[in-house]
Amino acid sequence: MRQAKERLAAGEVWSDLGLVFASTIGTAMEPRNVNRRFEQLRAAAGLDWLHLHDLRHAFATFLLDQGEELRTVMELLGHSTIRMTADTYGHVLPARARQAASAIDRIRGQEGTA
């Protein structure tokens, strides 16, 4: 809703670049402005320990924990290699490996009863 209001206010100056988070004229936000706004919101929420990059890390961790493919997460993060993603977020993967091992154990258990 806020962006729609900004679009109307900007009129012909608005640049429709399809951005979710855009400046008041539709262009990419200045990194300093993003950081400044994040700091304001963080302080208002009382989350002094939270850093902007933590949100990126949480995003990747949650996706991997929910079983999203490593390649998909790599592409969403803009990493150049899947290894970079695996090395950075590999701590999530052992839980997924345990789930896979449990699945194999269940299959093996079913074979013994057949």
N, C-alpha and C. Protein backbone atom coordinates (compact mmCIF):
# COMPACT_ATOMS: atom_id res chain seq x y z
N MET A 1 0.82 -1.19 0.00
CA MET A 1 0.00 0.00 0.00
C MET A 1 0.87 1.25 0.00
N ARG A 2 1.95 1.18 0.80
CA ARG A 2 2.83 2.36 0.85
C ARG A 2 3.43 2.64 -0.52
N GLN A 3 3.86 1.56 -1.20
CA GLN A 3 4.48 1.76 -2.51
C GLN A 3 3.47 2.29 -3.52
N ALA A 4 2.25 1.86 -3.43
CA ALA A 4 1.21 2.36 -4.34
C ALA A 4 1.00 3.86 -4.13
N LYS A 5 1.02 4.29 -2.88
CA LYS A 5 0.89 5.72 -2.58
C LYS A 5 2.09 6.50 -3.12
N GLU A 6 3.27 5.93 -2.95
CA GLU A 6 4.48 6.60 -3.44
C GLU A 6 4.46 6.68 -4.96
N ARG A 7 3.96 5.64 -5.59
CA ARG A 7 3.86 5.63 -7.06
C ARG A 7 2.95 6.75 -7.54
N LEU A 8 1.81 6.89 -6.88
CA LEU A 8 0.88 7.97 -7.25
C LEU A 8 1.50 9.34 -7.02
N ALA A 9 2.18 9.49 -5.87
CA ALA A 9 2.79 10.78 -5.54
C ALA A 9 3.90 11.13 -6.51
N ALA A 10 4.64 10.13 -6.98
CA ALA A 10 5.77 10.38 -7.89
C ALA A 10 5.31 10.68 -9.31
N GLY A 11 4.16 10.17 -9.67
CA GLY A 11 3.64 10.43 -11.02
C GLY A 11 4.57 9.89 -12.10
N GLU A 12 4.88 10.74 -13.08
CA GLU A 12 5.71 10.32 -14.21
C GLU A 12 7.16 10.07 -13.83
N VAL A 13 7.58 10.54 -12.68
CA VAL A 13 8.96 10.35 -12.22
C VAL A 13 9.20 8.90 -11.79
N TRP A 14 8.11 8.19 -11.46
CA TRP A 14 8.23 6.81 -10.96
C TRP A 14 8.89 5.91 -12.00
N SER A 15 9.88 5.16 -11.57
CA SER A 15 10.54 4.16 -12.42
C SER A 15 10.05 2.79 -11.99
N ASP A 16 9.27 2.14 -12.84
CA ASP A 16 8.73 0.83 -12.48
C ASP A 16 9.75 -0.25 -12.84
N LEU A 17 10.55 -0.60 -11.85
CA LEU A 17 11.59 -1.61 -12.05
C LEU A 17 11.19 -2.96 -11.45
N GLY A 18 9.96 -3.04 -10.94
CA GLY A 18 9.48 -4.28 -10.36
C GLY A 18 10.12 -4.64 -9.03
N LEU A 19 10.63 -3.64 -8.33
CA LEU A 19 11.30 -3.88 -7.06
C LEU A 19 10.28 -4.00 -5.93
N VAL A 20 10.54 -4.92 -5.02
CA VAL A 20 9.69 -5.04 -3.84
C VAL A 20 9.99 -3.91 -2.88
N PHE A 21 11.26 -3.64 -2.67
CA PHE A 21 11.69 -2.54 -1.81
C PHE A 21 12.32 -1.49 -2.71
N ALA A 22 11.61 -0.41 -2.89
CA ALA A 22 12.06 0.64 -3.80
C ALA A 22 12.12 1.98 -3.08
N SER A 23 12.84 2.90 -3.70
CA SER A 23 12.87 4.27 -3.18
C SER A 23 11.50 4.91 -3.43
N THR A 24 11.34 6.13 -3.01
CA THR A 24 10.05 6.81 -3.19
C THR A 24 9.75 7.13 -4.65
N ILE A 25 10.73 6.89 -5.55
CA ILE A 25 10.47 7.10 -6.98
C ILE A 25 10.63 5.80 -7.77
N GLY A 26 10.69 4.66 -7.05
CA GLY A 26 10.70 3.37 -7.72
C GLY A 26 12.06 2.80 -8.05
N THR A 27 13.10 3.55 -7.81
CA THR A 27 14.46 3.06 -8.11
C THR A 27 14.98 2.24 -6.93
N ALA A 28 16.14 1.62 -7.15
CA ALA A 28 16.77 0.85 -6.07
C ALA A 28 17.09 1.77 -4.90
N MET A 29 16.93 1.25 -3.72
CA MET A 29 17.19 2.04 -2.52
C MET A 29 18.70 2.20 -2.33
N GLU A 30 19.09 3.34 -1.83
CA GLU A 30 20.49 3.58 -1.49
C GLU A 30 20.84 2.70 -0.29
N PRO A 31 21.96 1.99 -0.34
CA PRO A 31 22.34 1.13 0.79
C PRO A 31 22.36 1.86 2.14
N ARG A 32 22.81 3.10 2.14
CA ARG A 32 22.82 3.87 3.41
C ARG A 32 21.42 4.05 3.96
N ASN A 33 20.46 4.27 3.08
CA ASN A 33 19.07 4.44 3.52
C ASN A 33 18.50 3.13 4.06
N VAL A 34 18.85 2.02 3.41
CA VAL A 34 18.41 0.71 3.90
C VAL A 34 18.97 0.48 5.30
N ASN A 35 20.26 0.73 5.46
CA ASN A 35 20.90 0.53 6.77
C ASN A 35 20.28 1.45 7.83
N ARG A 36 20.05 2.69 7.47
CA ARG A 36 19.48 3.65 8.42
C ARG A 36 18.08 3.21 8.86
N ARG A 37 17.27 2.80 7.91
CA ARG A 37 15.91 2.36 8.24
C ARG A 37 15.93 1.09 9.07
N PHE A 38 16.81 0.17 8.73
CA PHE A 38 16.92 -1.06 9.51
C PHE A 38 17.30 -0.73 10.95
N GLU A 39 18.25 0.17 11.12
CA GLU A 39 18.68 0.57 12.47
C GLU A 39 17.51 1.16 13.26
N GLN A 40 16.69 1.96 12.61
CA GLN A 40 15.52 2.55 13.28
C GLN A 40 14.55 1.47 13.73
N LEU A 41 14.25 0.55 12.83
CA LEU A 41 13.30 -0.52 13.15
C LEU A 41 13.86 -1.45 14.22
N ARG A 42 15.14 -1.75 14.14
CA ARG A 42 15.80 -2.62 15.11
C ARG A 42 15.74 -1.99 16.50
N ALA A 43 16.04 -0.71 16.58
CA ALA A 43 16.01 -0.01 17.88
C ALA A 43 14.59 0.02 18.44
N ALA A 44 13.62 0.31 17.59
CA ALA A 44 12.22 0.36 18.04
C ALA A 44 11.74 -0.99 18.56
N ALA A 45 12.27 -2.07 17.97
CA ALA A 45 11.87 -3.42 18.39
C ALA A 45 12.70 -3.93 19.56
N GLY A 46 13.72 -3.17 19.96
CA GLY A 46 14.57 -3.60 21.07
C GLY A 46 15.46 -4.78 20.72
N LEU A 47 15.86 -4.87 19.48
CA LEU A 47 16.69 -5.98 19.02
C LEU A 47 18.13 -5.51 18.75
N ASP A 48 18.75 -4.96 19.77
CA ASP A 48 20.09 -4.39 19.62
C ASP A 48 21.12 -5.39 19.12
N TRP A 49 20.90 -6.66 19.38
CA TRP A 49 21.85 -7.71 18.99
C TRP A 49 21.75 -8.08 17.51
N LEU A 50 20.64 -7.73 16.86
CA LEU A 50 20.37 -8.15 15.49
C LEU A 50 21.11 -7.27 14.48
N HIS A 51 21.75 -7.91 13.51
CA HIS A 51 22.43 -7.20 12.43
C HIS A 51 21.71 -7.50 11.12
N LEU A 52 21.79 -6.60 10.18
CA LEU A 52 21.10 -6.76 8.90
C LEU A 52 21.50 -8.08 8.21
N HIS A 53 22.76 -8.41 8.26
CA HIS A 53 23.22 -9.65 7.60
C HIS A 53 22.63 -10.89 8.26
N ASP A 54 22.24 -10.77 9.53
CA ASP A 54 21.60 -11.91 10.22
C ASP A 54 20.32 -12.32 9.52
N LEU A 55 19.63 -11.37 8.91
CA LEU A 55 18.39 -11.69 8.21
C LEU A 55 18.66 -12.56 6.99
N ARG A 56 19.74 -12.29 6.29
CA ARG A 56 20.13 -13.10 5.13
C ARG A 56 20.48 -14.52 5.57
N HIS A 57 21.22 -14.60 6.68
CA HIS A 57 21.62 -15.90 7.20
C HIS A 57 20.38 -16.70 7.65
N ALA A 58 19.46 -16.03 8.33
CA ALA A 58 18.24 -16.70 8.77
C ALA A 58 17.42 -17.18 7.58
N PHE A 59 17.33 -16.36 6.54
CA PHE A 59 16.60 -16.72 5.33
C PHE A 59 17.12 -18.03 4.75
N ALA A 60 18.43 -18.12 4.58
CA ALA A 60 19.03 -19.33 4.01
C ALA A 60 18.85 -20.52 4.95
N THR A 61 19.06 -20.30 6.22
CA THR A 61 18.95 -21.39 7.19
C THR A 61 17.54 -21.96 7.23
N PHE A 62 16.54 -21.08 7.25
CA PHE A 62 15.16 -21.55 7.27
C PHE A 62 14.81 -22.33 6.00
N LEU A 63 15.25 -21.84 4.86
CA LEU A 63 14.96 -22.55 3.61
C LEU A 63 15.57 -23.94 3.60
N LEU A 64 16.83 -24.04 4.00
CA LEU A 64 17.50 -25.34 4.02
C LEU A 64 16.86 -26.26 5.05
N ASP A 65 16.49 -25.73 6.19
CA ASP A 65 15.86 -26.53 7.23
C ASP A 65 14.51 -27.07 6.77
N GLN A 66 13.85 -26.34 5.90
CA GLN A 66 12.56 -26.78 5.38
C GLN A 66 12.69 -27.71 4.17
N GLY A 67 13.94 -28.06 3.85
CA GLY A 67 14.17 -29.02 2.77
C GLY A 67 14.34 -28.42 1.40
N GLU A 68 14.48 -27.11 1.32
CA GLU A 68 14.69 -26.49 0.00
C GLU A 68 16.04 -26.94 -0.54
N GLU A 69 16.11 -27.10 -1.83
CA GLU A 69 17.34 -27.56 -2.48
C GLU A 69 18.46 -26.54 -2.31
N LEU A 70 19.66 -27.04 -2.12
CA LEU A 70 20.83 -26.19 -1.95
C LEU A 70 21.02 -25.27 -3.16
N ARG A 71 20.78 -25.79 -4.35
CA ARG A 71 20.94 -24.97 -5.56
C ARG A 71 19.95 -23.80 -5.57
N THR A 72 18.73 -24.04 -5.14
CA THR A 72 17.74 -22.98 -5.09
C THR A 72 18.17 -21.88 -4.14
N VAL A 73 18.65 -22.29 -2.95
CA VAL A 73 19.12 -21.31 -1.97
C VAL A 73 20.31 -20.55 -2.53
N MET A 74 21.21 -21.25 -3.20
CA MET A 74 22.37 -20.61 -3.82
C MET A 74 21.93 -19.51 -4.78
N GLU A 75 20.96 -19.82 -5.62
CA GLU A 75 20.49 -18.85 -6.61
C GLU A 75 19.80 -17.66 -5.95
N LEU A 76 19.00 -17.93 -4.93
CA LEU A 76 18.31 -16.84 -4.24
C LEU A 76 19.28 -15.91 -3.53
N LEU A 77 20.36 -16.46 -3.00
CA LEU A 77 21.35 -15.65 -2.31
C LEU A 77 22.31 -14.96 -3.28
N GLY A 78 22.35 -15.42 -4.52
CA GLY A 78 23.26 -14.83 -5.50
C GLY A 78 24.69 -15.33 -5.36
N HIS A 79 24.86 -16.50 -4.73
CA HIS A 79 26.21 -17.07 -4.63
C HIS A 79 26.67 -17.56 -6.00
N SER A 80 27.96 -17.50 -6.24
CA SER A 80 28.50 -17.91 -7.54
C SER A 80 28.66 -19.42 -7.64
N THR A 81 28.78 -20.10 -6.49
CA THR A 81 28.94 -21.55 -6.51
C THR A 81 28.09 -22.19 -5.42
N ILE A 82 27.71 -23.42 -5.66
CA ILE A 82 26.95 -24.17 -4.66
C ILE A 82 27.83 -24.48 -3.45
N ARG A 83 29.13 -24.59 -3.69
CA ARG A 83 30.05 -24.86 -2.59
C ARG A 83 30.06 -23.71 -1.58
N MET A 84 29.99 -22.48 -2.08
CA MET A 84 29.96 -21.33 -1.17
C MET A 84 28.74 -21.41 -0.26
N THR A 85 27.61 -21.77 -0.83
CA THR A 85 26.39 -21.89 -0.04
C THR A 85 26.51 -23.03 0.96
N ALA A 86 27.02 -24.18 0.50
CA ALA A 86 27.17 -25.34 1.39
C ALA A 86 28.16 -25.05 2.51
N ASP A 87 29.26 -24.39 2.19
CA ASP A 87 30.26 -24.09 3.21
C ASP A 87 29.72 -23.10 4.24
N THR A 88 28.93 -22.14 3.79
CA THR A 88 28.41 -21.11 4.68
C THR A 88 27.25 -21.61 5.53
N TYR A 89 26.39 -22.42 4.94
CA TYR A 89 25.17 -22.85 5.63
C TYR A 89 25.15 -24.35 5.89
N GLY A 90 26.29 -24.97 5.86
CA GLY A 90 26.40 -26.42 6.05
C GLY A 90 25.92 -26.91 7.40
N HIS A 91 25.88 -26.03 8.39
CA HIS A 91 25.42 -26.44 9.72
C HIS A 91 23.98 -26.91 9.71
N VAL A 92 23.21 -26.52 8.71
CA VAL A 92 21.82 -26.95 8.62
C VAL A 92 21.73 -28.35 8.01
N LEU A 93 22.69 -28.68 7.19
CA LEU A 93 22.62 -29.93 6.42
C LEU A 93 22.73 -31.20 7.25
N PRO A 94 23.46 -31.24 8.38
CA PRO A 94 23.50 -32.48 9.17
C PRO A 94 22.12 -32.94 9.65
N ALA A 95 21.26 -32.01 10.00
CA ALA A 95 19.90 -32.38 10.41
C ALA A 95 19.17 -33.04 9.25
N ARG A 96 19.37 -32.50 8.06
CA ARG A 96 18.74 -33.10 6.88
C ARG A 96 19.32 -34.49 6.61
N ALA A 97 20.61 -34.67 6.84
CA ALA A 97 21.24 -35.98 6.65
C ALA A 97 20.68 -37.00 7.64
N ARG A 98 20.46 -36.57 8.89
CA ARG A 98 19.87 -37.48 9.88
C ARG A 98 18.47 -37.89 9.46
N GLN A 99 17.70 -36.96 8.91
CA GLN A 99 16.36 -37.30 8.45
C GLN A 99 16.42 -38.32 7.32
N ALA A 100 17.38 -38.14 6.42
CA ALA A 100 17.54 -39.08 5.31
C ALA A 100 17.94 -40.46 5.83
N ALA A 101 18.84 -40.49 6.79
CA ALA A 101 19.27 -41.77 7.37
C ALA A 101 18.09 -42.46 8.06
N SER A 102 17.27 -41.71 8.74
CA SER A 102 16.08 -42.28 9.39
C SER A 102 15.12 -42.85 8.36
N ALA A 103 14.99 -42.17 7.24
CA ALA A 103 14.12 -42.66 6.17
C ALA A 103 14.63 -44.00 5.63
N ILE A 104 15.93 -44.11 5.46
CA ILE A 104 16.52 -45.38 5.00
C ILE A 104 16.29 -46.48 6.03
N ASP A 105 16.46 -46.14 7.31
CA ASP A 105 16.20 -47.12 8.37
C ASP A 105 14.76 -47.61 8.34
N ARG A 106 13.82 -46.69 8.10
CA ARG A 106 12.41 -47.09 8.02
C ARG A 106 12.16 -48.02 6.85
N ILE A 107 12.80 -47.72 5.72
CA ILE A 107 12.64 -48.58 4.53
C ILE A 107 13.22 -49.96 4.81
N ARG A 108 14.40 -49.98 5.41
CA ARG A 108 15.04 -51.26 5.74
C ARG A 108 14.19 -52.05 6.73
N GLY A 109 13.54 -51.38 7.65
CA GLY A 109 12.67 -52.03 8.62
C GLY A 109 11.45 -52.64 7.93
N GLN A 110 10.95 -51.97 6.91
CA GLN A 110 9.81 -52.47 6.17
C GLN A 110 10.18 -53.70 5.36
N GLU A 111 11.41 -53.73 4.84
CA GLU A 111 11.86 -54.89 4.07
C GLU A 111 11.93 -56.12 4.94
N GLY A 112 12.33 -55.95 6.18
CA GLY A 112 12.43 -57.10 7.09
C GLY A 112 11.09 -57.68 7.49
N THR A 113 10.02 -56.88 7.35
CA THR A 113 8.70 -57.37 7.73
C THR A 113 7.94 -57.93 6.54
N ALA A 114 8.46 -57.73 5.35
CA ALA A 114 7.74 -58.19 4.15
C ALA A 114 7.97 -59.66 3.88
